[in-house]
C-alpha atoms as a PDB file:
ATOM      1  CA  MET A   1      -1.855  10.670 -23.018  1.00  0.00           C
ATOM      2  CA  LYS A   2      -3.402   7.414 -23.368  1.00  0.00           C
ATOM      3  CA  ILE A   3      -5.027   5.999 -20.658  1.00  0.00           C
ATOM      4  CA  ALA A   4      -5.948   2.525 -19.676  1.00  0.00           C
ATOM      5  CA  THR A   5      -7.646   0.163 -17.070  1.00  0.00           C
ATOM      6  CA  TRP A   6      -6.598  -3.744 -16.730  1.00  0.00           C
ATOM      7  CA  ASN A   7      -7.043  -6.303 -14.295  1.00  0.00           C
ATOM      8  CA  LEU A   8      -4.268  -8.520 -14.704  1.00  0.00           C
ATOM      9  CA  MET A   9      -5.973 -11.462 -12.791  1.00  0.00           C
ATOM     10  CA  ALA A  10      -3.540 -12.979 -10.181  1.00  0.00           C
ATOM     11  CA  ALA A  11      -5.405 -16.195 -10.288  1.00  0.00           C
ATOM     12  CA  GLU A  12      -8.986 -17.381 -10.930  1.00  0.00           C
ATOM     13  CA  TYR A  13      -8.472 -20.309  -8.154  1.00  0.00           C
ATOM     14  CA  TRP A  14      -6.432 -18.947  -5.193  1.00  0.00           C
ATOM     15  CA  CYS A  15      -5.841 -22.352  -3.755  1.00  0.00           C
ATOM     16  CA  LYS A  16      -3.104 -23.015  -6.664  1.00  0.00           C
ATOM     17  CA  PHE A  17      -1.132 -20.194  -5.338  1.00  0.00           C
ATOM     18  CA  LYS A  18      -0.202 -23.225  -3.015  1.00  0.00           C
ATOM     19  CA  SER A  19       2.280 -24.183  -5.900  1.00  0.00           C
ATOM     20  CA  GLN A  20       5.302 -22.320  -6.793  1.00  0.00           C
ATOM     21  CA  THR A  21       5.454 -23.499 -10.028  1.00  0.00           C
ATOM     22  CA  PHE A  22       2.001 -21.944 -10.624  1.00  0.00           C
ATOM     23  CA  ILE A  23       3.089 -18.637  -8.905  1.00  0.00           C
ATOM     24  CA  GLU A  24       6.160 -18.545 -11.360  1.00  0.00           C
ATOM     25  CA  LYS A  25       3.661 -19.042 -14.398  1.00  0.00           C
ATOM     26  CA  GLN A  26       1.230 -16.412 -13.214  1.00  0.00           C
ATOM     27  CA  ILE A  27       4.401 -13.904 -12.790  1.00  0.00           C
ATOM     28  CA  ALA A  28       5.544 -14.760 -16.224  1.00  0.00           C
ATOM     29  CA  ARG A  29       2.246 -13.972 -17.659  1.00  0.00           C
ATOM     30  CA  GLN A  30       1.778 -10.880 -16.065  1.00  0.00           C
ATOM     31  CA  ARG A  31       5.296  -9.581 -17.113  1.00  0.00           C
ATOM     32  CA  GLN A  32       4.136 -10.121 -20.714  1.00  0.00           C
ATOM     33  CA  ALA A  33       0.891  -7.969 -19.828  1.00  0.00           C
ATOM     34  CA  LEU A  34       2.793  -5.300 -18.697  1.00  0.00           C
ATOM     35  CA  ASP A  35       4.843  -5.257 -21.615  1.00  0.00           C
ATOM     36  CA  PHE A  36       2.152  -5.361 -24.014  1.00  0.00           C
ATOM     37  CA  LEU A  37       0.699  -2.248 -22.364  1.00  0.00           C
ATOM     38  CA  LYS A  38       3.850  -0.249 -22.482  1.00  0.00           C
ATOM     39  CA  ASN A  39       5.101  -1.397 -25.991  1.00  0.00           C
ATOM     40  CA  ASN A  40       1.989  -2.427 -28.153  1.00  0.00           C
ATOM     41  CA  LEU A  41      -0.621  -0.150 -26.519  1.00  0.00           C
ATOM     42  CA  ASN A  42       1.716   2.607 -25.735  1.00  0.00           C
ATOM     43  CA  ALA A  43       0.043   3.477 -22.644  1.00  0.00           C
ATOM     44  CA  ASP A  44       1.027   6.192 -20.707  1.00  0.00           C
ATOM     45  CA  VAL A  45      -0.849   5.713 -17.452  1.00  0.00           C
ATOM     46  CA  ALA A  46      -2.716   2.353 -16.676  1.00  0.00           C
ATOM     47  CA  PHE A  47      -4.767   1.563 -13.681  1.00  0.00           C
ATOM     48  CA  LEU A  48      -4.313  -1.881 -12.625  1.00  0.00           C
ATOM     49  CA  GLN A  49      -5.591  -4.224 -10.472  1.00  0.00           C
ATOM     50  CA  GLU A  50      -4.461  -7.778  -9.274  1.00  0.00           C
ATOM     51  CA  VAL A  51      -0.938  -7.256  -9.803  1.00  0.00           C
ATOM     52  CA  LEU A  52       1.617  -9.508  -8.660  1.00  0.00           C
ATOM     53  CA  LEU A  53       4.508  -7.548  -7.188  1.00  0.00           C
ATOM     54  CA  LYS A  54       7.240  -9.821  -8.437  1.00  0.00           C
ATOM     55  CA  SER A  55       5.623  -9.460 -11.731  1.00  0.00           C
ATOM     56  CA  ILE A  56       6.921  -5.655 -11.835  1.00  0.00           C
ATOM     57  CA  ASP A  57      10.446  -4.713 -13.371  1.00  0.00           C
ATOM     58  CA  GLU A  58      10.094  -0.858 -13.645  1.00  0.00           C
ATOM     59  CA  THR A  59      13.707  -0.704 -15.073  1.00  0.00           C
ATOM     60  CA  GLU A  60      12.922  -3.203 -17.904  1.00  0.00           C
ATOM     61  CA  LEU A  61       9.606  -1.256 -19.080  1.00  0.00           C
ATOM     62  CA  ASN A  62      11.053   2.394 -18.099  1.00  0.00           C
ATOM     63  CA  VAL A  63       8.104   3.181 -16.255  1.00  0.00           C
ATOM     64  CA  ASN A  64       7.068   3.732 -12.591  1.00  0.00           C
ATOM     65  CA  ILE A  65       4.666   1.493 -10.573  1.00  0.00           C
ATOM     66  CA  PHE A  66       2.823   2.658  -7.570  1.00  0.00           C
ATOM     67  CA  TRP A  67       1.932  -0.777  -5.823  1.00  0.00           C
ATOM     68  CA  THR A  68       0.147  -1.702  -2.780  1.00  0.00           C
ATOM     69  CA  GLU A  69      -0.769  -5.294  -1.604  1.00  0.00           C
ATOM     70  CA  SER A  70      -4.518  -5.769  -1.300  1.00  0.00           C
ATOM     71  CA  HIS A  71      -5.539  -6.898   2.202  1.00  0.00           C
ATOM     72  CA  THR A  72      -7.299  -9.717   0.378  1.00  0.00           C
ATOM     73  CA  SER A  73      -4.239 -11.112  -1.135  1.00  0.00           C
ATOM     74  CA  LYS A  74      -3.188 -12.529   2.474  1.00  0.00           C
ATOM     75  CA  ASN A  75      -5.797 -15.218   1.696  1.00  0.00           C
ATOM     76  CA  ALA A  76      -3.788 -16.315  -1.619  1.00  0.00           C
ATOM     77  CA  GLY A  77      -0.978 -17.879  -0.366  1.00  0.00           C
ATOM     78  CA  SER A  78       2.145 -17.830   2.030  1.00  0.00           C
ATOM     79  CA  LYS A  79       3.693 -14.282   2.863  1.00  0.00           C
ATOM     80  CA  ASN A  80       6.895 -14.006   0.554  1.00  0.00           C
ATOM     81  CA  ASN A  81       6.297 -16.612  -1.675  1.00  0.00           C
ATOM     82  CA  GLY A  82       5.682 -14.804  -4.790  1.00  0.00           C
ATOM     83  CA  SER A  83       1.858 -14.347  -4.239  1.00  0.00           C
ATOM     84  CA  GLU A  84       1.382 -10.751  -3.092  1.00  0.00           C
ATOM     85  CA  TRP A  85      -0.933  -8.914  -5.157  1.00  0.00           C
ATOM     86  CA  GLY A  86      -2.321  -5.574  -5.450  1.00  0.00           C
ATOM     87  CA  THR A  87      -3.529  -2.421  -6.718  1.00  0.00           C
ATOM     88  CA  ALA A  88      -1.517  -0.290  -8.828  1.00  0.00           C
ATOM     89  CA  ILE A  89      -0.873   2.554 -11.300  1.00  0.00           C
ATOM     90  CA  PHE A  90       1.742   2.556 -14.031  1.00  0.00           C
ATOM     91  CA  VAL A  91       3.064   5.867 -15.396  1.00  0.00           C
ATOM     92  CA  ASN A  92       4.922   6.269 -18.560  1.00  0.00           C
ATOM     93  CA  GLU A  93       8.909   7.299 -18.129  1.00  0.00           C
ATOM     94  CA  LYS A  94       8.277  10.616 -19.525  1.00  0.00           C
ATOM     95  CA  TYR A  95       5.930  11.764 -16.422  1.00  0.00           C
ATOM     96  CA  CYS A  96       7.692   9.923 -13.962  1.00  0.00           C
ATOM     97  CA  ASN A  97       9.518  12.896 -12.698  1.00  0.00           C
ATOM     98  CA  PHE A  98       6.227  14.909 -12.296  1.00  0.00           C
ATOM     99  CA  THR A  99       4.347  12.014 -10.512  1.00  0.00           C
ATOM    100  CA  LYS A 100       3.617  11.533  -6.949  1.00  0.00           C
ATOM    101  CA  ASP A 101       1.875   8.897  -5.108  1.00  0.00           C
ATOM    102  CA  ILE A 102      -0.559  10.712  -3.012  1.00  0.00           C
ATOM    103  CA  THR A 103      -3.104   7.749  -1.645  1.00  0.00           C
ATOM    104  CA  LEU A 104      -2.204   8.284   1.953  1.00  0.00           C
ATOM    105  CA  GLU A 105      -2.917  11.854   1.679  1.00  0.00           C
ATOM    106  CA  VAL A 106      -6.087  11.285   0.345  1.00  0.00           C
ATOM    107  CA  PHE A 107      -7.437   8.194   2.045  1.00  0.00           C
ATOM    108  CA  PRO A 108      -5.046   7.870   5.066  1.00  0.00           C
ATOM    109  CA  ASN A 109      -5.384   3.983   6.126  1.00  0.00           C
ATOM    110  CA  GLU A 110      -4.830   4.663   9.892  1.00  0.00           C
ATOM    111  CA  ASN A 111      -7.583   3.755  12.174  1.00  0.00           C
ATOM    112  CA  ASN A 112     -10.465   4.656   9.627  1.00  0.00           C
ATOM    113  CA  LYS A 113     -13.021   3.236   7.387  1.00  0.00           C
ATOM    114  CA  TYR A 114     -10.497   2.218   4.832  1.00  0.00           C
ATOM    115  CA  ASN A 115      -8.503   0.648   6.777  1.00  0.00           C
ATOM    116  CA  SER A 116     -10.536  -2.812   6.489  1.00  0.00           C
ATOM    117  CA  GLU A 117     -12.269  -1.780   2.942  1.00  0.00           C
ATOM    118  CA  TYR A 118      -9.929  -0.224   0.890  1.00  0.00           C
ATOM    119  CA  THR A 119      -6.626  -0.862   1.892  1.00  0.00           C
ATOM    120  CA  GLY A 120      -4.358  -2.076  -1.055  1.00  0.00           C
ATOM    121  CA  LYS A 121      -7.848  -1.788  -3.502  1.00  0.00           C
ATOM    122  CA  VAL A 122      -7.313   2.080  -4.117  1.00  0.00           C
ATOM    123  CA  LYS A 123      -4.461   3.556  -5.547  1.00  0.00           C
ATOM    124  CA  VAL A 124      -3.951   7.472  -6.300  1.00  0.00           C
ATOM    125  CA  VAL A 125      -1.366   9.617  -8.203  1.00  0.00           C
ATOM    126  CA  GLN A 126      -1.058  13.081  -8.967  1.00  0.00           C
ATOM    127  CA  VAL A 127       0.959  14.079 -12.277  1.00  0.00           C
ATOM    128  CA  ASN A 128       2.029  17.731 -12.621  1.00  0.00           C
ATOM    129  CA  PHE A 129       1.765  19.155 -16.221  1.00  0.00           C
ATOM    130  CA  ASN A 130       3.458  22.935 -16.082  1.00  0.00           C
ATOM    131  CA  ASN A 131       0.669  24.847 -13.881  1.00  0.00           C
ATOM    132  CA  ASN A 132      -1.991  21.743 -14.157  1.00  0.00           C
ATOM    133  CA  GLN A 133      -2.564  18.809 -12.317  1.00  0.00           C
ATOM    134  CA  ILE A 134      -4.598  15.523 -12.925  1.00  0.00           C
ATOM    135  CA  LEU A 135      -5.105  12.998 -10.463  1.00  0.00           C
ATOM    136  CA  PHE A 136      -5.401   9.449 -11.498  1.00  0.00           C
ATOM    137  CA  CYS A 137      -7.046   6.787  -9.384  1.00  0.00           C
ATOM    138  CA  SER A 138      -7.202   3.085  -9.845  1.00  0.00           C
ATOM    139  CA  LEU A 139      -9.930   1.383  -7.904  1.00  0.00           C
ATOM    140  CA  HIS A 140     -10.857  -2.408  -7.264  1.00  0.00           C
ATOM    141  CA  ILE A 141     -14.315  -3.183  -5.530  1.00  0.00           C
ATOM    142  CA  ASP A 142     -14.596  -6.356  -3.474  1.00  0.00           C
ATOM    143  CA  THR A 143     -16.539  -9.141  -4.998  1.00  0.00           C
ATOM    144  CA  ASP A 144     -18.368  -9.899  -1.692  1.00  0.00           C
ATOM    145  CA  GLU A 145     -21.292  -8.098  -0.331  1.00  0.00           C
ATOM    146  CA  LYS A 146     -19.354  -5.434   0.704  1.00  0.00           C
ATOM    147  CA  GLY A 147     -19.165  -4.271  -2.656  1.00  0.00           C
ATOM    148  CA  SER A 148     -22.056  -2.378  -2.939  1.00  0.00           C
ATOM    149  CA  GLY A 149     -21.576  -0.271   0.015  1.00  0.00           C
ATOM    150  CA  GLN A 150     -17.893   0.530  -0.835  1.00  0.00           C
ATOM    151  CA  LEU A 151     -18.974   1.768  -4.115  1.00  0.00           C
ATOM    152  CA  LYS A 152     -21.845   3.938  -2.933  1.00  0.00           C
ATOM    153  CA  THR A 153     -19.217   5.374  -0.151  1.00  0.00           C
ATOM    154  CA  PHE A 154     -16.303   5.585  -2.451  1.00  0.00           C
ATOM    155  CA  PHE A 155     -18.397   7.469  -5.034  1.00  0.00           C
ATOM    156  CA  THR A 156     -19.556   9.822  -2.475  1.00  0.00           C
ATOM    157  CA  GLU A 157     -16.360  10.870  -1.258  1.00  0.00           C
ATOM    158  CA  GLU A 158     -15.330  14.339  -1.620  1.00  0.00           C
ATOM    159  CA  PHE A 159     -12.288  13.271  -3.542  1.00  0.00           C
ATOM    160  CA  VAL A 160     -14.714  12.272  -6.126  1.00  0.00           C
ATOM    161  CA  SER A 161     -15.976  15.706  -6.633  1.00  0.00           C
ATOM    162  CA  LYS A 162     -12.374  16.944  -7.667  1.00  0.00           C
ATOM    163  CA  LYS A 163     -12.298  19.214 -11.213  1.00  0.00           C
ATOM    164  CA  ASN A 164      -9.321  16.887 -12.320  1.00  0.00           C
ATOM    165  CA  LEU A 165      -9.872  13.552 -11.755  1.00  0.00           C
ATOM    166  CA  VAL A 166      -9.471  10.157 -13.735  1.00  0.00           C
ATOM    167  CA  ILE A 167     -10.668   6.758 -12.320  1.00  0.00           C
ATOM    168  CA  GLY A 168     -10.246   3.416 -13.831  1.00  0.00           C
ATOM    169  CA  GLY A 169     -10.936  -0.007 -12.614  1.00  0.00           C
ATOM    170  CA  ASP A 170     -12.694  -3.239 -12.136  1.00  0.00           C
ATOM    171  CA  LEU A 171     -15.828  -2.353  -9.932  1.00  0.00           C
ATOM    172  CA  ASN A 172     -16.991  -5.915  -9.935  1.00  0.00           C
ATOM    173  CA  CYS A 173     -20.333  -4.654 -11.547  1.00  0.00           C
ATOM    174  CA  ASP A 174     -21.772  -2.936 -14.321  1.00  0.00           C
ATOM    175  CA  LYS A 175     -24.842  -1.056 -15.101  1.00  0.00           C
ATOM    176  CA  TYR A 176     -27.110  -4.095 -15.042  1.00  0.00           C
ATOM    177  CA  TYR A 177     -25.444  -6.593 -12.547  1.00  0.00           C
ATOM    178  CA  ILE A 178     -24.043  -5.883  -9.425  1.00  0.00           C
ATOM    179  CA  HIS A 179     -22.255  -8.663  -7.188  1.00  0.00           C
ATOM    180  CA  GLY A 180     -25.103 -11.122  -8.284  1.00  0.00           C
ATOM    181  CA  ASN A 181     -27.859  -8.676  -7.441  1.00  0.00           C
ATOM    182  CA  PRO A 182     -29.402  -7.046 -10.183  1.00  0.00           C
ATOM    183  CA  ASP A 183     -31.790  -5.181  -7.663  1.00  0.00           C
ATOM    184  CA  ASP A 184     -28.215  -3.110  -6.601  1.00  0.00           C
ATOM    185  CA  LYS A 185     -27.762  -1.405  -9.947  1.00  0.00           C
ATOM    186  CA  VAL A 186     -29.668   1.414  -8.738  1.00  0.00           C
ATOM    187  CA  PHE A 187     -26.482   2.173  -6.372  1.00  0.00           C
ATOM    188  CA  PHE A 188     -24.644   2.091  -9.091  1.00  0.00           C
ATOM    189  CA  ASN A 189     -26.562   3.985 -11.618  1.00  0.00           C
ATOM    190  CA  GLU A 190     -27.808   6.886  -9.178  1.00  0.00           C
ATOM    191  CA  THR A 191     -24.374   7.233  -7.402  1.00  0.00           C
ATOM    192  CA  ILE A 192     -22.325   7.839 -10.820  1.00  0.00           C
ATOM    193  CA  LYS A 193     -25.507  10.072 -12.019  1.00  0.00           C
ATOM    194  CA  ASN A 194     -25.278  12.341  -8.728  1.00  0.00           C
ATOM    195  CA  SER A 195     -21.387  12.682  -8.685  1.00  0.00           C
ATOM    196  CA  ASN A 196     -19.344  15.046 -10.625  1.00  0.00           C
ATOM    197  CA  LEU A 197     -17.814  12.347 -13.451  1.00  0.00           C
ATOM    198  CA  ILE A 198     -18.971  10.912 -16.878  1.00  0.00           C
ATOM    199  CA  GLU A 199     -18.372   7.307 -17.660  1.00  0.00           C
ATOM    200  CA  CYS A 200     -16.586   6.748 -20.720  1.00  0.00           C
ATOM    201  CA  GLU A 201     -18.300   4.203 -22.530  1.00  0.00           C
ATOM    202  CA  PRO A 202     -16.235   1.658 -24.039  1.00  0.00           C
ATOM    203  CA  LEU A 203     -16.933   0.215 -27.725  1.00  0.00           C
ATOM    204  CA  TYR A 204     -17.413  -3.008 -26.453  1.00  0.00           C
ATOM    205  CA  LYS A 205     -19.663  -3.839 -23.490  1.00  0.00           C
ATOM    206  CA  GLN A 206     -18.185  -6.851 -22.185  1.00  0.00           C
ATOM    207  CA  THR A 207     -14.849  -6.843 -20.373  1.00  0.00           C
ATOM    208  CA  PHE A 208     -14.967  -9.893 -18.124  1.00  0.00           C
ATOM    209  CA  PHE A 209     -14.815 -13.662 -19.166  1.00  0.00           C
ATOM    210  CA  ARG A 210     -15.393 -15.696 -15.969  1.00  0.00           C
ATOM    211  CA  GLY A 211     -14.213 -19.161 -16.191  1.00  0.00           C
ATOM    212  CA  ASN A 212     -12.570 -19.715 -19.286  1.00  0.00           C
ATOM    213  CA  LEU A 213      -9.159 -17.907 -19.898  1.00  0.00           C
ATOM    214  CA  ASN A 214      -7.908 -18.585 -23.420  1.00  0.00           C
ATOM    215  CA  GLY A 215     -11.102 -20.399 -24.374  1.00  0.00           C
ATOM    216  CA  TYR A 216     -14.063 -19.303 -26.637  1.00  0.00           C
ATOM    217  CA  ASN A 217     -17.363 -20.573 -24.377  1.00  0.00           C
ATOM    218  CA  ASP A 218     -17.467 -17.869 -21.545  1.00  0.00           C
ATOM    219  CA  VAL A 219     -19.371 -18.876 -18.516  1.00  0.00           C
ATOM    220  CA  GLU A 220     -20.261 -15.001 -17.707  1.00  0.00           C
ATOM    221  CA  VAL A 221     -19.580 -12.143 -19.430  1.00  0.00           C
ATOM    222  CA  ILE A 222     -20.323  -8.585 -17.938  1.00  0.00           C
ATOM    223  CA  GLN A 223     -18.661  -5.055 -18.424  1.00  0.00           C
ATOM    224  CA  ASP A 224     -17.272  -4.696 -15.079  1.00  0.00           C
ATOM    225  CA  ASP A 225     -14.263  -2.403 -15.930  1.00  0.00           C
ATOM    226  CA  HIS A 226     -14.840   0.984 -16.140  1.00  0.00           C
ATOM    227  CA  ILE A 227     -13.317   4.613 -16.750  1.00  0.00           C
ATOM    228  CA  PHE A 228     -14.766   7.600 -15.439  1.00  0.00           C
ATOM    229  CA  ILE A 229     -13.546  11.133 -15.929  1.00  0.00           C
ATOM    230  CA  SER A 230     -14.261  14.391 -14.200  1.00  0.00           C
ATOM    231  CA  LYS A 231     -16.831  16.375 -16.107  1.00  0.00           C
ATOM    232  CA  GLU A 232     -14.457  19.509 -16.700  1.00  0.00           C
ATOM    233  CA  LEU A 233     -11.886  17.168 -18.225  1.00  0.00           C
ATOM    234  CA  TYR A 234     -14.280  15.399 -20.359  1.00  0.00           C
ATOM    235  CA  GLN A 235     -13.905  17.594 -23.063  1.00  0.00           C
ATOM    236  CA  PHE A 236     -10.538  16.719 -23.717  1.00  0.00           C
ATOM    237  CA  VAL A 237     -11.242  12.869 -24.109  1.00  0.00           C
ATOM    238  CA  GLU A 238     -10.411  12.134 -28.028  1.00  0.00           C
ATOM    239  CA  THR A 239     -11.345   8.637 -28.229  1.00  0.00           C
ATOM    240  CA  GLN A 240     -12.709   5.952 -25.836  1.00  0.00           C
ATOM    241  CA  HIS A 241     -12.405   2.397 -27.138  1.00  0.00           C
ATOM    242  CA  MET A 242     -10.769  -0.826 -26.740  1.00  0.00           C
ATOM    243  CA  ASP A 243      -7.867  -0.652 -29.166  1.00  0.00           C
ATOM    244  CA  ASP A 244      -7.229   0.141 -32.700  1.00  0.00           C
ATOM    245  CA  VAL A 245      -6.162  -3.463 -33.597  1.00  0.00           C
ATOM    246  CA  LYS A 246      -9.629  -5.173 -33.564  1.00  0.00           C
ATOM    247  CA  GLN A 247      -8.542  -8.551 -34.398  1.00  0.00           C
ATOM    248  CA  TYR A 248      -5.992 -10.924 -33.312  1.00  0.00           C
ATOM    249  CA  LYS A 249      -5.727 -14.349 -35.027  1.00  0.00           C
ATOM    250  CA  GLY A 250      -9.533 -14.033 -36.858  1.00  0.00           C
ATOM    251  CA  LYS A 251     -10.975 -13.048 -33.406  1.00  0.00           C
ATOM    252  CA  ASN A 252     -12.020  -9.810 -31.956  1.00  0.00           C
ATOM    253  CA  PHE A 253     -10.086  -7.962 -29.287  1.00  0.00           C
ATOM    254  CA  ASN A 254     -11.801  -9.253 -26.438  1.00  0.00           C
ATOM    255  CA  TYR A 255     -10.782 -12.994 -27.524  1.00  0.00           C
ATOM    256  CA  GLY A 256      -7.352 -12.302 -28.834  1.00  0.00           C
ATOM    257  CA  LYS A 257      -4.140 -11.547 -27.762  1.00  0.00           C
ATOM    258  CA  ILE A 258      -5.657 -10.217 -24.399  1.00  0.00           C
ATOM    259  CA  LYS A 259      -7.711 -13.281 -23.941  1.00  0.00           C
ATOM    260  CA  THR A 260      -4.356 -15.269 -23.428  1.00  0.00           C
ATOM    261  CA  LEU A 261      -3.078 -12.729 -20.796  1.00  0.00           C
ATOM    262  CA  SER A 262      -6.443 -12.104 -18.416  1.00  0.00           C
ATOM    263  CA  ASP A 263      -9.762 -13.038 -18.367  1.00  0.00           C
ATOM    264  CA  HIS A 264     -10.324  -9.005 -18.552  1.00  0.00           C
ATOM    265  CA  SER A 265     -10.067  -7.109 -21.441  1.00  0.00           C
ATOM    266  CA  ILE A 266      -8.512  -3.501 -21.481  1.00  0.00           C
ATOM    267  CA  LEU A 267     -10.329  -0.347 -21.763  1.00  0.00           C
ATOM    268  CA  TYR A 268      -8.589   2.779 -22.722  1.00  0.00           C
ATOM    269  CA  ILE A 269      -9.318   6.638 -23.501  1.00  0.00           C
ATOM    270  CA  SER A 270      -7.019   9.265 -25.242  1.00  0.00           C
ATOM    271  CA  LEU A 271      -6.525  12.658 -23.512  1.00  0.00           C
ATOM    272  CA  ASP A 272      -5.905  15.535 -25.107  1.00  0.00           C
ATOM    273  CA  VAL A 273      -3.004  17.064 -22.282  1.00  0.00           C
ATOM    274  CA  LYS A 274      -1.061  19.946 -22.770  1.00  0.00           C
ATOM    275  CA  GLU A 275       2.540  18.928 -21.552  1.00  0.00           C
END
């Protein structure tokens, strides 16, 4: 089973969502990205962030995409103009009949702490394999000052102690840099170390290229996309890398085809699952 995480980048500048032409271009770009995941990367499960609802065509892709609108997308444009975006999980057709959306079972969003912090920024599905189950969670942490608190709260949840769990997403931080404040890195490192999770280290440490989609001179380069897996499942990880095809038009994977589709790169792992 190939498991990927990718932030599809709804827009770098939210004010552009006032333009219907811009929205339509973003939707078309994201459809290319989803097609790349399914037909080039051959992903079985993909954790997705900043997914425009109107970019999703499950029938064409032969997948299920479990999607919830992010609370922050409401700042991007007018309702129903096509700019609604959120967090999602993409599941290949061969697993569709064995998959259940359990987000609200794990994180009920009525009158609790997740109503304002995580609504639409976390998605959880359960995939059944004979007598076994694996939980997959797509996570998107906020970029503002709430981010550090969200990280600490989320990774100390009882849910994170599950033995059959894979979490992927955009945490807007890495081990050395969190939300513009290097002093907050302790929260990330210590919290992960004390959890039941192991991070799958990517081949490339830079996954986010702020400020220069399609360009070569990036303003900011950090690893804020991650895949974590429970310690009990980690023994079944076969590979942990970006992609088999390292070059595209003479550039490495980060600057190639993916760079034309998002300002984030794809991370993925291969998991030896007995189906």
